[in-house]
Protein backbone atom coordinates (compact mmCIF):
# COMPACT_ATOMS: atom_id res chain seq x y z
CA MET A 1 338.21 63.20 -45.61
CA PRO A 2 341.68 64.03 -44.28
CA SER A 3 343.18 67.08 -45.95
CA SER A 4 346.81 65.88 -45.75
CA PRO A 5 348.27 62.99 -47.75
CA LEU A 6 347.59 59.53 -46.37
CA PRO A 7 350.56 58.28 -44.28
CA GLN A 8 352.16 54.90 -44.87
CA THR A 9 351.69 54.09 -41.18
CA LEU A 10 348.52 55.01 -39.32
CA ARG A 11 348.51 55.01 -35.51
CA LEU A 12 345.12 55.06 -33.80
CA ILE A 13 344.46 55.67 -30.11
CA TYR A 14 341.21 55.56 -28.20
CA ASN A 15 339.78 58.74 -26.73
CA PRO A 16 340.98 58.89 -23.06
CA TRP A 17 337.70 59.94 -21.51
CA LYS A 18 335.79 57.30 -23.48
CA LYS A 19 338.23 54.70 -22.17
CA GLN A 20 337.28 55.80 -18.67
CA LEU A 21 333.69 54.98 -19.58
CA ALA A 22 334.87 51.49 -20.49
CA LEU A 23 336.41 51.17 -17.02
CA LEU A 24 333.13 52.32 -15.50
CA GLY A 25 331.40 49.71 -17.62
CA LEU A 26 333.48 47.00 -15.91
CA GLY A 27 331.97 47.99 -12.58
CA LEU A 28 328.49 47.91 -14.08
CA MET A 29 329.13 44.39 -15.38
CA VAL A 30 330.08 43.23 -11.87
CA GLY A 31 326.80 44.67 -10.62
CA LEU A 32 324.93 42.93 -13.43
CA ALA A 33 326.46 39.57 -12.52
CA TRP A 34 325.68 40.13 -8.82
CA LEU A 35 322.06 40.94 -9.72
CA GLY A 36 321.80 37.70 -11.65
CA LEU A 37 323.27 35.62 -8.82
CA ARG A 38 320.80 37.09 -6.34
CA SER A 39 317.76 36.77 -8.59
CA GLN A 40 316.97 33.08 -7.79
CA PHE A 41 315.49 32.94 -11.31
CA PHE A 42 317.96 30.60 -12.88
CA ILE A 43 317.49 31.25 -16.58
CA LEU A 44 317.94 34.97 -15.91
CA GLU A 45 320.87 34.23 -13.58
CA ALA A 46 322.84 32.27 -16.17
CA ALA A 47 322.04 34.77 -18.93
CA LEU A 48 323.13 37.78 -16.88
CA VAL A 49 326.37 36.17 -15.67
CA LEU A 50 327.39 35.14 -19.21
CA LEU A 51 326.38 38.52 -20.65
CA ALA A 52 328.32 40.35 -17.94
CA ALA A 53 331.42 38.20 -18.55
CA CYS A 54 331.28 38.78 -22.31
CA LEU A 55 330.77 42.54 -22.04
CA ALA A 56 333.41 42.82 -19.30
CA ARG A 57 335.98 41.15 -21.57
CA GLN A 58 335.23 43.65 -24.32
CA MET A 59 335.41 46.62 -21.96
CA LEU A 60 338.70 45.35 -20.50
CA ASP A 61 340.13 44.91 -24.00
CA ILE A 62 339.25 48.52 -24.88
CA PHE A 63 340.65 49.93 -21.64
CA ALA A 64 343.89 47.93 -21.94
CA THR A 65 344.53 49.05 -25.54
CA GLN A 66 347.22 51.72 -25.84
CA SER A 67 347.34 52.00 -29.63
CA ILE A 68 346.54 50.21 -32.89
CA THR A 69 349.03 50.80 -35.70
CA LEU A 70 348.20 49.99 -39.32
CA HIS A 71 351.06 49.19 -41.71
CA PRO A 72 350.79 48.09 -45.33
CA ASP A 73 352.05 44.61 -44.38
CA LYS A 74 350.81 44.16 -40.80
CA ILE A 75 348.52 45.47 -38.07
CA VAL A 76 349.91 45.89 -34.55
CA LYS A 77 347.83 46.30 -31.41
CA THR A 78 349.76 47.43 -28.34
CA GLY A 79 348.23 47.01 -24.90
CA PHE A 80 349.28 47.34 -21.29
CA PHE A 81 349.84 43.59 -20.99
CA SER A 82 350.74 42.36 -24.47
CA GLN A 83 351.23 43.15 -28.13
CA THR A 84 349.24 41.53 -30.94
CA THR A 85 350.47 41.44 -34.54
CA ILE A 86 348.71 39.97 -37.55
CA PRO A 87 349.98 39.98 -41.16
CA THR A 88 347.90 41.48 -43.94
CA HIS A 89 348.87 39.24 -46.86
CA ALA A 90 345.52 37.42 -46.42
CA LEU A 91 343.56 40.12 -44.64
CA VAL A 92 339.81 39.77 -44.08
CA THR A 93 337.90 42.75 -42.73
CA ASP A 94 334.40 42.94 -41.33
CA THR A 95 332.83 46.31 -40.60
CA ASP A 96 329.71 46.79 -38.49
CA HIS A 97 328.41 50.27 -39.27
CA ARG A 98 325.75 50.14 -36.57
CA GLN A 99 328.30 49.46 -33.82
CA GLN A 100 330.98 51.54 -35.60
CA SER A 101 333.49 48.72 -35.33
CA THR A 102 336.01 47.17 -37.73
CA HIS A 103 337.30 43.65 -37.22
CA PHE A 104 340.52 42.45 -38.90
CA PHE A 105 341.15 38.71 -39.36
CA HIS A 106 344.04 36.72 -40.72
CA GLY A 107 342.73 34.58 -43.57
CA SER A 108 339.24 33.79 -42.25
CA ASP A 109 336.53 35.54 -40.27
CA LYS A 110 336.41 32.39 -38.08
CA ASN A 111 340.00 32.98 -37.02
CA LEU A 112 339.09 34.69 -33.76
CA ARG A 113 342.48 34.25 -32.10
CA GLU A 114 344.30 36.02 -34.92
CA SER A 115 342.18 39.10 -35.12
CA ILE A 116 342.13 42.73 -34.01
CA LYS A 117 338.96 44.69 -33.40
CA ILE A 118 338.78 48.49 -33.55
CA ALA A 119 335.86 50.02 -31.66
CA GLY A 120 335.16 53.09 -33.78
CA TRP A 121 333.01 54.81 -31.18
CA PHE A 122 336.05 55.15 -28.91
CA LEU A 123 338.05 56.93 -31.65
CA SER A 124 337.99 60.65 -32.31
CA PRO A 125 336.13 61.78 -35.48
CA GLU A 126 339.46 62.61 -37.14
CA HIS A 127 340.86 59.15 -36.49
CA GLN A 128 337.67 57.59 -37.81
CA LEU A 129 338.13 59.45 -41.10
CA TRP A 130 341.77 58.41 -41.32
CA LEU A 131 340.81 54.80 -40.71
CA GLU A 132 338.16 54.80 -43.45
CA SER A 133 340.62 56.35 -45.90
CA TYR A 134 343.37 53.87 -45.01
CA LEU A 135 341.07 50.89 -45.47
CA ARG A 136 339.95 52.15 -48.87
CA ASN A 137 343.27 53.26 -50.29
CA VAL A 138 345.86 50.93 -48.69
CA TYR A 139 343.98 47.72 -47.90
CA ARG A 140 341.62 48.12 -50.87
CA VAL A 141 338.55 47.25 -48.81
CA GLY A 142 335.33 47.49 -50.82
CA ASN A 143 331.83 48.51 -49.86
CA TYR A 144 331.16 45.23 -48.05
CA SER A 145 334.35 45.55 -45.97
CA ARG A 146 335.15 41.90 -46.57
CA GLN A 147 337.69 40.17 -48.75
CA ALA A 148 337.90 36.63 -50.02
CA LEU A 149 339.30 33.96 -47.77
CA SER A 150 342.92 32.96 -47.95
CA PRO A 151 343.73 31.05 -51.16
CA ASN A 152 345.36 28.31 -49.05
CA SER A 153 342.33 26.05 -49.32
CA ALA A 154 343.99 23.04 -47.66
CA ALA A 155 344.93 25.02 -44.55
CA ASN A 156 341.46 26.56 -44.41
CA VAL A 157 339.77 23.17 -44.63
CA GLU A 158 341.83 21.76 -41.76
CA PHE A 159 341.41 24.96 -39.76
CA GLU A 160 337.62 24.80 -40.08
CA ARG A 161 337.66 21.15 -39.01
CA ALA A 162 339.49 22.17 -35.84
CA VAL A 163 337.01 25.02 -35.31
CA SER A 164 334.15 22.52 -35.65
CA SER A 165 335.56 20.52 -32.72
CA PHE A 166 335.58 23.60 -30.49
CA ARG A 167 332.10 24.64 -31.59
CA PHE A 168 330.73 21.17 -30.92
CA MET A 169 332.16 21.26 -27.41
CA ALA A 170 330.66 24.72 -26.93
CA VAL A 171 327.23 23.26 -27.76
CA VAL A 172 327.82 20.47 -25.22
CA SER A 173 328.71 23.09 -22.60
CA ALA A 174 325.50 24.97 -23.41
CA VAL A 175 323.54 21.77 -22.73
CA TYR A 176 325.52 21.40 -19.49
CA LEU A 177 324.51 24.93 -18.48
CA LEU A 178 320.88 24.11 -19.22
CA ALA A 179 321.20 21.02 -17.00
CA TYR A 180 322.40 23.30 -14.18
CA VAL A 181 319.38 25.57 -14.67
CA LEU A 182 316.98 22.61 -14.51
CA TYR A 183 318.64 21.05 -11.48
CA ALA A 184 318.89 24.37 -9.64
CA THR A 185 315.15 24.77 -10.22
CA TYR A 186 314.60 21.33 -8.72
CA LEU A 187 316.75 22.20 -5.69
CA SER A 188 314.91 25.48 -5.19
CA TRP A 189 311.65 23.55 -5.16
CA HIS A 190 312.80 20.98 -2.61
CA TYR A 191 315.07 22.89 -0.19
CA PRO A 192 314.47 26.18 1.67
CA VAL A 193 318.27 26.73 1.61
CA PHE A 194 320.52 24.33 -0.31
CA ASN A 195 323.82 23.85 1.54
CA GLY A 196 325.09 21.03 -0.65
CA TYR A 197 324.92 17.27 -0.38
CA ALA A 198 328.15 16.96 1.63
CA PRO A 199 328.47 19.95 3.99
CA GLN A 200 330.40 17.79 6.48
CA LEU A 201 333.40 17.60 4.12
CA PRO A 202 336.22 20.19 4.42
CA GLU A 203 335.06 22.88 2.02
CA VAL A 204 338.20 24.95 1.47
CA PRO A 205 340.64 22.08 0.68
CA ILE A 206 338.21 20.46 -1.74
CA ARG A 207 337.51 23.77 -3.45
CA LEU A 208 341.23 24.41 -3.84
CA LEU A 209 341.66 20.87 -5.20
CA PHE A 210 339.07 21.49 -7.91
CA VAL A 211 340.54 24.85 -8.83
CA GLY A 212 344.04 23.35 -8.84
CA ILE A 213 342.88 20.62 -11.24
CA ALA A 214 341.32 23.28 -13.46
CA LEU A 215 344.43 25.45 -13.55
CA GLY A 216 346.61 22.36 -13.99
CA GLY A 217 344.80 21.76 -17.26
CA TYR A 218 346.47 24.91 -18.58
CA GLY A 219 349.83 23.16 -18.87
CA ILE A 220 348.29 20.19 -20.67
CA LEU A 221 346.52 22.53 -23.08
CA ARG A 222 349.80 24.29 -23.80
CA GLN A 223 351.30 20.96 -24.84
CA LEU A 224 348.30 19.98 -26.95
CA THR A 225 348.31 23.28 -28.84
CA ALA A 226 352.09 23.57 -29.26
CA PRO A 227 353.27 23.51 -32.90
CA LEU A 228 353.86 20.01 -34.14
CA PRO A 229 357.54 19.23 -34.76
CA ALA A 230 358.74 19.41 -38.33
CA ASP A 231 359.14 15.94 -39.77
CA HIS A 232 358.76 14.10 -43.03
CA SER A 233 355.38 12.57 -42.24
CA SER A 234 352.84 12.31 -45.00
CA TYR A 235 350.14 14.90 -45.46
CA THR A 236 347.48 12.51 -44.14
CA VAL A 237 349.44 11.76 -40.96
CA LYS A 238 350.00 15.46 -40.27
CA VAL A 239 346.32 16.25 -40.73
CA GLN A 240 345.17 13.40 -38.51
CA ARG A 241 347.55 14.32 -35.71
CA ALA A 242 346.52 17.96 -35.83
CA GLN A 243 342.83 17.09 -35.78
CA GLN A 244 343.23 14.70 -32.85
CA ARG A 245 345.08 17.31 -30.83
CA ALA A 246 342.45 19.94 -31.63
CA PHE A 247 339.64 17.66 -30.44
CA ARG A 248 341.51 16.79 -27.24
CA ALA A 249 342.21 20.45 -26.54
CA ALA A 250 338.54 21.33 -27.04
CA LEU A 251 337.46 18.46 -24.78
CA LEU A 252 339.92 19.37 -22.02
CA ALA A 253 339.13 23.11 -22.10
CA ASN A 254 335.41 22.45 -21.74
CA SER A 255 335.96 19.70 -19.16
CA VAL A 256 337.36 22.39 -16.88
CA ALA A 257 334.01 24.18 -17.10
CA TRP A 258 332.17 20.94 -16.33
CA LEU A 259 333.95 20.61 -12.97
CA GLY A 260 331.76 23.37 -11.55
CA LEU A 261 328.53 21.41 -11.19
CA PRO A 262 330.00 18.60 -8.99
CA LEU A 263 331.64 21.19 -6.73
CA PHE A 264 328.40 23.15 -6.48
CA LEU A 265 326.47 20.00 -5.55
CA LEU A 266 328.96 19.24 -2.78
CA PHE A 267 328.69 22.59 -0.96
CA GLY A 268 325.81 24.51 -2.57
CA ASN A 269 327.73 27.69 -3.45
CA LYS A 270 326.78 28.99 -6.90
CA LEU A 271 330.04 30.93 -7.17
CA ASP A 272 331.92 27.63 -7.36
CA PHE A 273 329.91 26.69 -10.44
CA TYR A 274 330.42 30.00 -12.23
CA LEU A 275 334.08 30.27 -11.25
CA LEU A 276 334.97 27.04 -13.03
CA LEU A 277 332.58 27.80 -15.87
CA LEU A 278 334.35 31.09 -16.59
CA ILE A 279 337.81 29.54 -16.27
CA GLY A 280 336.77 26.87 -18.77
CA ALA A 281 335.33 29.52 -21.08
CA GLY A 282 338.63 31.40 -20.88
CA PHE A 283 340.55 28.26 -21.82
CA HIS A 284 338.13 27.59 -24.69
CA TYR A 285 338.75 31.04 -26.14
CA ASP A 286 342.45 31.17 -25.40
CA PHE A 287 343.26 27.84 -27.06
CA TYR A 288 340.88 28.33 -29.97
CA PRO A 289 342.47 27.17 -33.27
CA ARG A 290 344.69 29.52 -35.28
CA LEU A 291 344.87 29.46 -39.06
CA SER A 292 348.58 30.25 -39.07
CA ASP A 293 349.26 26.98 -37.19
CA ARG A 294 347.65 25.03 -40.03
CA GLU A 295 349.54 27.04 -42.62
CA ARG A 296 352.87 26.27 -40.96
CA LEU A 297 351.96 22.62 -40.51
CA LEU A 298 350.99 22.16 -44.16
CA GLN A 299 353.68 24.58 -45.36
CA THR A 300 351.21 26.76 -47.19
CA GLY A 301 350.62 30.45 -47.26
CA VAL A 302 352.64 33.47 -48.23
CA PRO A 303 355.82 33.49 -46.14
CA ALA A 304 355.95 36.58 -44.04
CA PRO A 305 358.93 38.22 -42.35
CA GLN A 306 359.60 37.15 -38.80
CA SER A 307 358.45 40.50 -37.45
CA VAL A 308 355.13 40.16 -39.23
CA SER A 309 354.12 36.70 -38.06
CA ALA A 310 351.05 36.56 -35.87
CA SER A 311 351.88 36.87 -32.20
CA ILE A 312 349.04 36.61 -29.73
CA PRO A 313 350.29 35.67 -26.26
CA ARG A 314 348.01 33.48 -24.21
CA ARG A 315 346.92 35.06 -20.95
CA SER A 316 344.39 32.54 -19.69
CA LEU A 317 346.40 31.73 -16.56
CA GLN A 318 346.51 35.37 -15.47
CA VAL A 319 342.84 35.86 -16.29
CA SER A 320 341.90 32.69 -14.45
CA LEU A 321 343.86 33.75 -11.37
CA ALA A 322 342.13 37.13 -11.43
CA LEU A 323 338.74 35.45 -11.67
CA LEU A 324 339.73 33.06 -8.89
CA GLY A 325 340.78 35.86 -6.59
CA GLY A 326 337.75 38.03 -7.22
CA LEU A 327 335.16 35.32 -6.96
CA SER A 328 336.82 33.69 -3.94
CA LEU A 329 336.68 36.97 -2.07
CA ALA A 330 333.07 37.42 -3.07
CA SER A 331 332.21 33.88 -1.93
CA TYR A 332 333.29 34.64 1.64
CA ALA A 333 332.08 38.24 1.82
CA GLY A 334 328.83 39.08 3.53
CA ASN A 335 326.19 36.48 4.31
CA PRO A 336 327.26 33.00 3.15
CA THR A 337 323.69 32.32 2.01
CA ASP A 338 323.76 35.20 -0.47
CA PHE A 339 324.99 32.89 -3.23
CA ARG A 340 323.09 29.74 -2.30
CA ILE A 341 319.88 28.46 -3.80
CA GLN A 342 317.04 29.35 -1.47
CA GLN A 343 313.33 29.80 -1.66
CA GLN A 344 311.93 33.29 -1.58
CA ASP A 345 308.71 32.49 0.25
CA CYS A 346 309.50 30.78 3.57
CA ARG A 347 306.86 31.41 6.22
CA ASP A 348 306.64 31.09 9.98
CA GLU A 349 304.14 28.99 11.93
CA ASN A 350 301.54 31.75 11.54
CA GLY A 351 301.84 31.78 7.77
CA ASN A 352 303.65 35.13 7.65
CA PRO A 353 306.63 35.67 5.29
CA THR A 354 309.98 35.22 7.01
CA ALA A 355 313.62 34.58 6.14
CA CYS A 356 314.53 30.95 5.49
CA GLN A 357 316.45 29.52 8.44
CA HIS A 358 319.31 27.09 8.03
CA ASN A 359 321.44 25.08 10.41
CA SER A 360 325.18 24.68 10.23
CA GLY A 361 324.96 21.19 11.70
CA GLY A 362 324.12 17.84 10.15
CA HIS A 363 322.78 17.39 6.69
CA GLY A 364 319.25 16.47 7.66
CA GLY A 365 317.09 18.38 5.22
CA SER A 366 320.22 19.64 3.46
CA GLY A 367 321.34 21.28 6.70
CA SER A 368 318.28 23.50 6.68
CA SER A 369 315.23 23.85 8.86
CA TYR A 370 311.97 24.82 7.26
CA ARG A 371 308.77 25.63 9.03
CA GLY A 372 305.55 26.13 7.18
CA ASN A 373 301.83 25.69 7.76
CA SER A 374 300.76 22.67 5.75
CA THR A 375 297.15 22.41 6.96
CA SER A 376 294.26 22.42 4.54
CA ASP A 377 293.73 26.15 5.17
CA HIS A 378 297.36 26.83 4.37
CA PRO A 379 298.52 24.21 1.90
CA GLY A 380 302.07 25.51 2.08
CA PRO A 381 304.02 28.23 0.36
CA VAL A 382 303.88 28.72 -3.37
CA ARG A 383 307.35 27.68 -4.37
CA ARG A 384 309.10 29.37 -7.25
CA GLY A 385 311.89 27.75 -9.16
CA GLY A 386 314.11 28.91 -11.99
CA PHE A 387 311.21 29.05 -14.46
CA GLY A 388 309.05 31.31 -12.35
CA PHE A 389 305.41 30.19 -12.21
CA PHE A 390 306.22 26.97 -14.06
CA GLY A 391 308.97 25.97 -11.62
CA GLY A 392 306.64 23.53 -9.92
CA SER A 393 306.59 21.35 -12.99
CA HIS A 394 310.17 20.32 -12.18
CA GLY A 395 309.32 19.01 -8.72
CA SER A 396 309.05 15.52 -10.17
CA PHE A 397 312.82 15.31 -10.90
CA GLY A 398 313.51 12.47 -8.53
CA GLY A 399 311.71 14.06 -5.56
């Protein structure tokens, strides 16, 4: 327990050397994603890439945080790139004692885009004690570290309806990812090296076209999620317009992610699929509904001073460009076949293991040449798809 009186304003900073560990963790996440992409075991590949992206975002958030300042009426998080402010008139807190983290939300624990998370492990022991005391004495947080939802029931109902649209689209995207896993397994079964169904097309212009379409969706999403103009429409009309725009924003954000599979099927590069998948995931998170938008629309909630209103700048465009640059460089670095679907058990005419050979010419056999002994003594290589031993069960998918 701090020996001095509790200040009205509490400023927390992460331990510098622990923040360096977070930066090191970013490098480890890149290695984890690379390991998944090279595994040729497609369930593991997708799981490792998504896990690496999620953990990398958390590590980057910790490293980019300069300070978190707690006031009686607001919480301010200052970073290298932006500043986030949420009011505390309807504060909800969620504390995970195992991970030593405290999560602050505005009005609802589903309000992810108006929230600030404090990673307690990265604080010094003294700052951890100050934080616990401040939560107990200023914010009146109880043993469960959670308060009731905002009393603005109408805004909460409409906010949760908008959240449902985004969650439904997230489920659809999960099914889409599963479809990629199944089809990649099928391709691994049928092709020694999969170079795409249209290798004769100009690869770079078409790739840039797809990425341009994806990034162009950012401007449309900005319009769909902009605050509705103040008018004298009825309550029902306001609610319907807001819900329609939320559904369209969810559909468009996830449609960006769905562009990856057609591009992958054209040229066979898995990085194309994951590049657009991660851009779409960034859009999904960045344009996730905000409770304060519904409060302003329905004119509910406790009015807060202008300096206290939630301010969370969107940075999807910058993040998407960073992903684009990094993954584009990786796609052309080293052997081009490093990130293509290929069998792991190609053999020469004597039945000995050898590297799969592929041609850069016509598309016959997907632009690949495959030599194996298919006599009765050597019935051919044991092919392994994305489900390991059971990959052969997917050979009946149209082939």
